[in-house]
N, C-alpha and C. Protein backbone atom coordinates (compact mmCIF):
# COMPACT_ATOMS: atom_id res chain seq x y z
N MET A 1 10.30 23.52 12.89
CA MET A 1 9.23 22.94 13.98
C MET A 1 8.93 21.70 13.14
N ALA A 2 8.60 20.69 14.26
CA ALA A 2 8.06 19.46 13.66
C ALA A 2 6.70 19.19 14.40
N HIS A 3 6.09 18.38 13.93
CA HIS A 3 4.63 17.89 14.50
C HIS A 3 4.59 16.65 14.76
N PHE A 4 3.94 16.26 15.95
CA PHE A 4 3.95 14.89 16.53
C PHE A 4 2.45 14.79 16.78
N ALA A 5 1.83 13.44 16.45
CA ALA A 5 0.15 13.19 16.58
C ALA A 5 0.32 12.05 18.04
N GLN A 6 -0.52 12.21 18.80
CA GLN A 6 -0.68 11.36 19.89
C GLN A 6 -1.72 10.44 19.22
N LEU A 7 -1.45 9.21 19.59
CA LEU A 7 -2.62 8.23 19.09
C LEU A 7 -3.31 7.49 20.33
N ASP A 8 -4.54 7.06 20.13
CA ASP A 8 -5.20 6.22 21.27
C ASP A 8 -5.03 4.84 21.03
N GLU A 9 -5.51 4.00 21.55
CA GLU A 9 -5.28 2.61 21.68
C GLU A 9 -5.87 2.00 20.33
N ASN A 10 -6.52 2.56 19.46
CA ASN A 10 -7.06 2.25 17.86
C ASN A 10 -6.33 3.09 17.04
N ASN A 11 -5.03 3.57 17.29
CA ASN A 11 -4.44 4.25 16.26
C ASN A 11 -5.16 5.51 15.83
N LYS A 12 -6.13 5.95 16.67
CA LYS A 12 -6.76 7.12 15.97
C LYS A 12 -6.01 8.52 16.66
N VAL A 13 -5.90 9.46 15.92
CA VAL A 13 -5.14 10.68 16.34
C VAL A 13 -6.18 11.62 17.34
N ILE A 14 -5.59 11.77 18.63
CA ILE A 14 -6.39 12.54 19.53
C ILE A 14 -5.71 13.77 19.68
N GLN A 15 -4.60 14.10 19.28
CA GLN A 15 -3.98 15.62 19.57
C GLN A 15 -2.64 15.55 18.68
N VAL A 16 -2.52 16.90 18.27
CA VAL A 16 -1.30 17.21 17.52
C VAL A 16 -0.64 18.38 18.15
N ILE A 17 0.84 18.05 18.39
CA ILE A 17 1.59 19.22 18.93
C ILE A 17 2.87 19.71 17.99
N VAL A 18 3.34 20.88 18.23
CA VAL A 18 4.54 21.46 17.61
C VAL A 18 5.62 21.17 18.68
N VAL A 19 6.69 20.39 18.11
CA VAL A 19 7.90 20.31 18.69
C VAL A 19 9.01 21.09 17.96
N VAL A 20 9.73 22.00 18.82
CA VAL A 20 11.11 22.72 18.43
C VAL A 20 11.91 21.73 17.97
N ASN A 21 12.66 22.30 16.54
CA ASN A 21 13.73 21.09 15.93
C ASN A 21 14.78 20.81 16.78
N GLU A 22 15.23 21.70 17.92
CA GLU A 22 16.22 21.27 18.88
C GLU A 22 15.94 20.00 19.51
N GLU A 23 14.69 19.87 19.79
CA GLU A 23 14.15 18.63 20.70
C GLU A 23 14.51 17.17 20.14
N LEU A 24 14.43 17.32 18.48
CA LEU A 24 14.48 16.14 17.97
C LEU A 24 15.59 15.95 17.08
N LEU A 25 16.51 16.80 17.11
CA LEU A 25 17.83 16.67 16.35
C LEU A 25 18.87 15.74 16.87
N LEU A 26 19.38 14.73 16.08
CA LEU A 26 20.72 13.86 16.53
C LEU A 26 21.57 14.01 15.75
N ASP A 27 22.60 14.72 16.03
CA ASP A 27 23.77 15.03 15.04
C ASP A 27 23.35 15.71 13.97
N GLY A 28 22.49 16.78 14.27
CA GLY A 28 22.15 17.84 13.24
C GLY A 28 20.87 17.13 12.28
N VAL A 29 20.55 16.00 12.63
CA VAL A 29 19.52 15.56 11.60
C VAL A 29 18.35 15.06 12.56
N GLU A 30 17.06 15.40 11.82
CA GLU A 30 15.69 14.92 12.92
C GLU A 30 15.80 13.89 12.90
N ASN A 31 15.24 13.15 14.17
CA ASN A 31 15.27 11.98 14.56
C ASN A 31 14.00 11.55 15.32
N GLU A 32 12.96 10.84 14.64
CA GLU A 32 11.55 10.63 15.11
C GLU A 32 11.54 10.26 16.56
N THR A 33 12.39 9.30 17.00
CA THR A 33 12.17 8.40 18.13
C THR A 33 12.78 9.56 19.27
N LYS A 34 13.83 10.46 18.99
CA LYS A 34 14.15 11.44 19.80
C LYS A 34 12.98 12.42 20.02
N GLY A 35 12.26 12.81 19.07
CA GLY A 35 11.31 13.61 19.16
C GLY A 35 9.93 12.84 20.02
N ILE A 36 9.44 11.48 19.72
CA ILE A 36 8.70 10.87 20.40
C ILE A 36 8.93 10.87 21.91
N ASN A 37 10.31 10.55 22.34
CA ASN A 37 10.72 10.46 23.73
C ASN A 37 10.44 12.04 24.33
N PHE A 38 10.56 12.95 23.34
CA PHE A 38 10.38 14.31 24.05
C PHE A 38 9.05 14.40 24.32
N CYS A 39 7.97 14.14 23.49
CA CYS A 39 6.53 14.06 23.76
C CYS A 39 6.18 13.15 24.95
N LYS A 40 6.68 12.06 25.17
CA LYS A 40 6.48 11.08 26.19
C LYS A 40 6.86 12.04 27.40
N SER A 41 7.97 12.59 27.45
CA SER A 41 8.16 13.17 28.74
C SER A 41 7.57 14.54 28.98
N LEU A 42 6.92 15.04 28.18
CA LEU A 42 5.59 16.01 28.26
C LEU A 42 4.74 15.50 28.93
N LEU A 43 4.10 14.51 28.12
CA LEU A 43 2.67 13.99 28.53
C LEU A 43 2.43 12.70 29.05
N GLY A 44 3.65 11.93 29.43
CA GLY A 44 3.58 10.44 29.93
C GLY A 44 4.06 9.43 29.14
N ASP A 45 4.90 8.59 29.80
CA ASP A 45 5.36 7.44 29.05
C ASP A 45 4.72 6.51 28.57
N ASP A 46 3.29 6.52 28.64
CA ASP A 46 2.34 5.65 28.27
C ASP A 46 1.63 6.12 27.20
N THR A 47 2.09 7.30 26.83
CA THR A 47 1.34 7.99 25.48
C THR A 47 1.96 7.41 24.39
N ARG A 48 1.33 7.28 23.01
CA ARG A 48 1.95 7.01 21.69
C ARG A 48 1.96 8.14 20.78
N TRP A 49 3.09 8.01 20.04
CA TRP A 49 3.19 9.27 19.11
C TRP A 49 3.92 8.78 18.07
N VAL A 50 3.43 9.61 16.70
CA VAL A 50 3.94 9.48 15.48
C VAL A 50 4.45 11.00 14.87
N GLN A 51 5.55 10.87 14.04
CA GLN A 51 5.73 12.14 13.48
C GLN A 51 5.00 12.72 12.37
N THR A 52 4.39 13.62 12.01
CA THR A 52 3.59 13.99 10.89
C THR A 52 4.21 15.33 10.26
N SER A 53 3.84 15.46 9.12
CA SER A 53 4.40 16.66 8.44
C SER A 53 3.29 17.57 7.36
N TYR A 54 3.21 18.80 7.43
CA TYR A 54 2.20 19.40 6.64
C TYR A 54 2.58 19.15 5.05
N ASN A 55 3.70 19.02 4.76
CA ASN A 55 3.82 18.65 3.27
C ASN A 55 3.91 17.38 2.94
N SER A 56 3.53 16.59 3.81
CA SER A 56 3.14 15.03 3.46
C SER A 56 4.13 14.27 3.11
N THR A 57 5.52 14.57 3.67
CA THR A 57 6.62 14.02 3.25
C THR A 57 6.83 12.82 4.54
N ILE A 58 5.89 12.77 5.26
CA ILE A 58 6.04 11.72 6.38
C ILE A 58 4.50 11.21 6.55
N ARG A 59 4.33 9.82 6.26
CA ARG A 59 2.90 9.08 6.40
C ARG A 59 2.23 9.71 5.44
N LYS A 60 2.48 10.20 4.30
CA LYS A 60 1.48 10.60 3.23
C LYS A 60 0.63 11.77 3.39
N ASN A 61 0.10 11.74 4.54
CA ASN A 61 -0.78 12.85 4.88
C ASN A 61 -0.39 13.77 6.13
N TYR A 62 -0.88 14.79 6.51
CA TYR A 62 -0.70 15.56 7.77
C TYR A 62 -1.61 14.77 8.74
N ALA A 63 -1.35 14.59 10.02
CA ALA A 63 -2.29 13.77 10.79
C ALA A 63 -3.18 14.75 11.55
N GLY A 64 -4.27 14.74 11.30
CA GLY A 64 -5.48 15.64 12.18
C GLY A 64 -6.04 14.80 13.40
N ILE A 65 -6.60 15.66 13.79
CA ILE A 65 -7.38 14.95 15.16
C ILE A 65 -8.81 14.05 14.13
N GLY A 66 -8.91 12.76 14.72
CA GLY A 66 -9.69 12.10 14.15
C GLY A 66 -9.31 11.26 13.00
N TYR A 67 -8.01 11.61 12.54
CA TYR A 67 -7.38 10.44 11.55
C TYR A 67 -6.95 9.20 11.98
N THR A 68 -6.59 8.29 11.31
CA THR A 68 -6.19 7.07 11.40
C THR A 68 -4.62 6.85 11.20
N ASP A 69 -3.92 6.26 12.02
CA ASP A 69 -2.47 5.89 11.70
C ASP A 69 -2.43 4.54 11.39
N ASP A 70 -2.06 4.27 10.21
CA ASP A 70 -1.94 2.66 9.90
C ASP A 70 -0.25 2.41 10.18
N PRO A 71 0.02 1.82 11.17
CA PRO A 71 1.51 1.47 11.44
C PRO A 71 2.18 0.64 10.52
N VAL A 72 1.35 -0.34 9.85
CA VAL A 72 1.86 -1.53 8.72
C VAL A 72 2.37 -0.71 7.49
N ALA A 73 1.35 0.16 7.04
CA ALA A 73 1.54 0.90 5.64
C ALA A 73 2.32 2.23 5.86
N ASP A 74 2.35 2.61 7.39
CA ASP A 74 3.09 3.61 7.88
C ASP A 74 2.54 5.20 6.94
N TYR A 75 1.30 5.21 7.08
CA TYR A 75 0.69 6.27 6.74
C TYR A 75 -0.58 6.94 7.39
N CYS A 76 -0.91 8.08 7.51
CA CYS A 76 -2.33 8.76 8.51
C CYS A 76 -3.40 8.83 7.19
N PHE A 77 -4.54 8.52 7.44
CA PHE A 77 -5.62 8.75 6.56
C PHE A 77 -6.66 9.37 7.41
N THR A 78 -7.65 10.01 6.68
CA THR A 78 -8.79 11.06 7.21
C THR A 78 -9.89 9.78 7.61
N PRO A 79 -10.98 9.93 8.32
CA PRO A 79 -12.26 9.31 8.16
C PRO A 79 -12.67 9.08 6.81
N GLN A 80 -13.19 7.72 7.00
CA GLN A 80 -13.72 7.43 5.66
C GLN A 80 -15.23 8.22 5.40
N PRO A 81 -15.19 9.09 4.37
CA PRO A 81 -16.50 9.51 3.92
C PRO A 81 -17.67 8.68 3.74
N TYR A 82 -17.53 7.80 2.98
CA TYR A 82 -18.78 7.01 2.61
C TYR A 82 -18.07 5.57 2.76
N LEU A 83 -18.90 4.49 2.98
CA LEU A 83 -18.83 3.20 3.04
C LEU A 83 -18.34 2.52 1.71
N SER A 84 -18.58 2.86 0.64
CA SER A 84 -18.30 2.48 -0.67
C SER A 84 -16.79 3.04 -1.16
N TRP A 85 -16.20 4.00 -0.67
CA TRP A 85 -14.92 4.72 -1.03
C TRP A 85 -13.98 3.80 -0.48
N THR A 86 -12.81 3.92 -1.29
CA THR A 86 -11.83 2.95 -0.78
C THR A 86 -10.29 3.63 -0.90
N LEU A 87 -9.36 3.55 0.03
CA LEU A 87 -7.91 4.20 0.01
C LEU A 87 -7.19 3.92 -1.43
N ASP A 88 -6.53 4.89 -1.73
CA ASP A 88 -5.75 4.86 -2.95
C ASP A 88 -4.40 4.92 -2.56
N ALA A 89 -3.41 4.54 -3.42
CA ALA A 89 -2.09 4.45 -2.88
C ALA A 89 -1.23 5.66 -2.30
N ASN A 90 -2.24 6.81 -2.47
CA ASN A 90 -1.61 8.08 -1.59
C ASN A 90 -2.35 8.22 -0.38
N ALA A 91 -2.95 7.27 0.21
CA ALA A 91 -3.73 7.13 1.27
C ALA A 91 -4.82 8.23 1.24
N ARG A 92 -5.54 8.44 0.16
CA ARG A 92 -6.68 9.43 -0.03
C ARG A 92 -7.88 8.67 -0.47
N TRP A 93 -9.09 8.96 0.17
CA TRP A 93 -10.27 8.21 -0.28
C TRP A 93 -10.85 8.52 -1.82
N GLN A 94 -11.13 7.66 -2.26
CA GLN A 94 -11.79 7.62 -3.82
C GLN A 94 -13.06 7.03 -4.11
N ALA A 95 -13.94 7.66 -4.75
CA ALA A 95 -15.36 7.33 -5.09
C ALA A 95 -15.12 6.07 -5.79
N PRO A 96 -16.03 4.96 -5.89
CA PRO A 96 -16.09 3.96 -6.91
C PRO A 96 -15.86 4.50 -8.29
N ILE A 97 -16.43 5.52 -8.69
CA ILE A 97 -16.45 6.26 -9.97
C ILE A 97 -16.01 7.62 -9.85
N ALA A 98 -15.18 8.11 -11.05
CA ALA A 98 -14.97 9.45 -10.79
C ALA A 98 -15.75 10.35 -10.97
N MET A 99 -15.58 11.54 -10.17
CA MET A 99 -16.58 12.68 -10.18
C MET A 99 -16.49 13.22 -11.66
N PRO A 100 -17.59 13.61 -12.12
CA PRO A 100 -17.73 14.61 -13.71
C PRO A 100 -17.25 15.72 -13.41
N VAL A 101 -16.39 16.11 -14.45
CA VAL A 101 -15.72 17.46 -14.43
C VAL A 101 -16.32 18.16 -15.52
N GLU A 102 -17.21 19.10 -15.23
CA GLU A 102 -17.88 19.93 -16.44
C GLU A 102 -17.90 21.50 -15.84
N GLU A 103 -17.52 22.28 -16.45
CA GLU A 103 -17.26 23.71 -16.18
C GLU A 103 -18.70 24.41 -15.75
N GLY A 104 -18.67 25.06 -14.48
CA GLY A 104 -19.93 25.46 -14.21
C GLY A 104 -20.90 24.62 -13.28
N LYS A 105 -20.42 23.55 -13.19
CA LYS A 105 -21.51 22.54 -12.32
C LYS A 105 -20.48 21.95 -11.10
N ARG A 106 -21.48 21.62 -10.15
CA ARG A 106 -20.95 21.07 -8.91
C ARG A 106 -21.58 19.91 -8.45
N TYR A 107 -20.94 18.91 -8.02
CA TYR A 107 -21.44 17.59 -7.59
C TYR A 107 -21.08 17.09 -6.15
N ALA A 108 -22.05 16.31 -5.94
CA ALA A 108 -22.00 15.90 -4.38
C ALA A 108 -22.28 14.22 -4.69
N TRP A 109 -21.55 13.39 -3.83
CA TRP A 109 -21.66 11.89 -3.76
C TRP A 109 -23.07 11.66 -3.21
N ASP A 110 -23.53 10.53 -3.85
CA ASP A 110 -24.87 10.09 -3.18
C ASP A 110 -24.70 8.71 -3.10
N GLU A 111 -24.47 8.27 -1.81
CA GLU A 111 -24.16 6.96 -1.37
C GLU A 111 -25.41 6.00 -1.66
N PRO A 112 -26.44 6.20 -1.53
CA PRO A 112 -27.55 5.19 -1.73
C PRO A 112 -27.54 4.91 -3.24
N THR A 113 -27.22 5.71 -4.20
CA THR A 113 -27.39 5.41 -5.62
C THR A 113 -25.83 5.08 -6.06
N LEU A 114 -24.71 5.25 -5.32
CA LEU A 114 -23.38 5.08 -5.77
C LEU A 114 -23.22 6.11 -7.13
N SER A 115 -23.63 7.13 -6.93
CA SER A 115 -23.24 8.04 -8.11
C SER A 115 -23.03 9.46 -7.61
N TRP A 116 -22.53 10.26 -8.59
CA TRP A 116 -22.48 11.67 -8.67
C TRP A 116 -23.63 12.42 -8.99
N VAL A 117 -24.27 13.29 -7.98
CA VAL A 117 -25.34 13.98 -8.52
C VAL A 117 -25.20 15.56 -8.46
N GLU A 118 -25.74 16.18 -9.41
CA GLU A 118 -25.61 17.55 -9.59
C GLU A 118 -26.18 18.53 -8.53
N VAL A 119 -25.41 19.44 -8.14
CA VAL A 119 -25.84 20.20 -6.98
C VAL A 119 -25.98 21.74 -7.47
N GLU A 120 -27.21 22.01 -7.30
CA GLU A 120 -27.44 23.43 -7.85
C GLU A 120 -26.50 24.46 -7.11
N LEU A 121 -25.91 25.41 -7.82
CA LEU A 121 -25.20 26.47 -7.53
C LEU A 121 -26.14 27.54 -7.22
N PRO A 122 -25.75 28.47 -6.13
CA PRO A 122 -26.72 29.57 -5.75
C PRO A 122 -26.49 30.48 -6.77
N ALA A 123 -27.42 31.30 -6.92
CA ALA A 123 -27.94 32.42 -7.99
C ALA A 123 -26.99 33.59 -7.94
């Protein structure tokens, strides 16, 4: 099974569908263009599609609804969680400073102070 993400005019993912392998095989090899053409035949020729994968072998991340596809960098990424966070080389958002790692403690990002704050764990 293969997965294809439909994009809107701003490259936002608006739906993800499953396509059986037989619909995208060309000489026994998966062909994204053939899969895209199949998606268009189902949902309209004016729709835009990209292939995505659960194991992140295509476009770095599985494309979920609300994600953005960057056609130049050829990857999909989640919505930006905070204005201060930036995308890393693996198309994942990173805080300006690394989260502390202390056993038995939990942290949450605090955007106004640009820092991690400890969160009380339930008793």
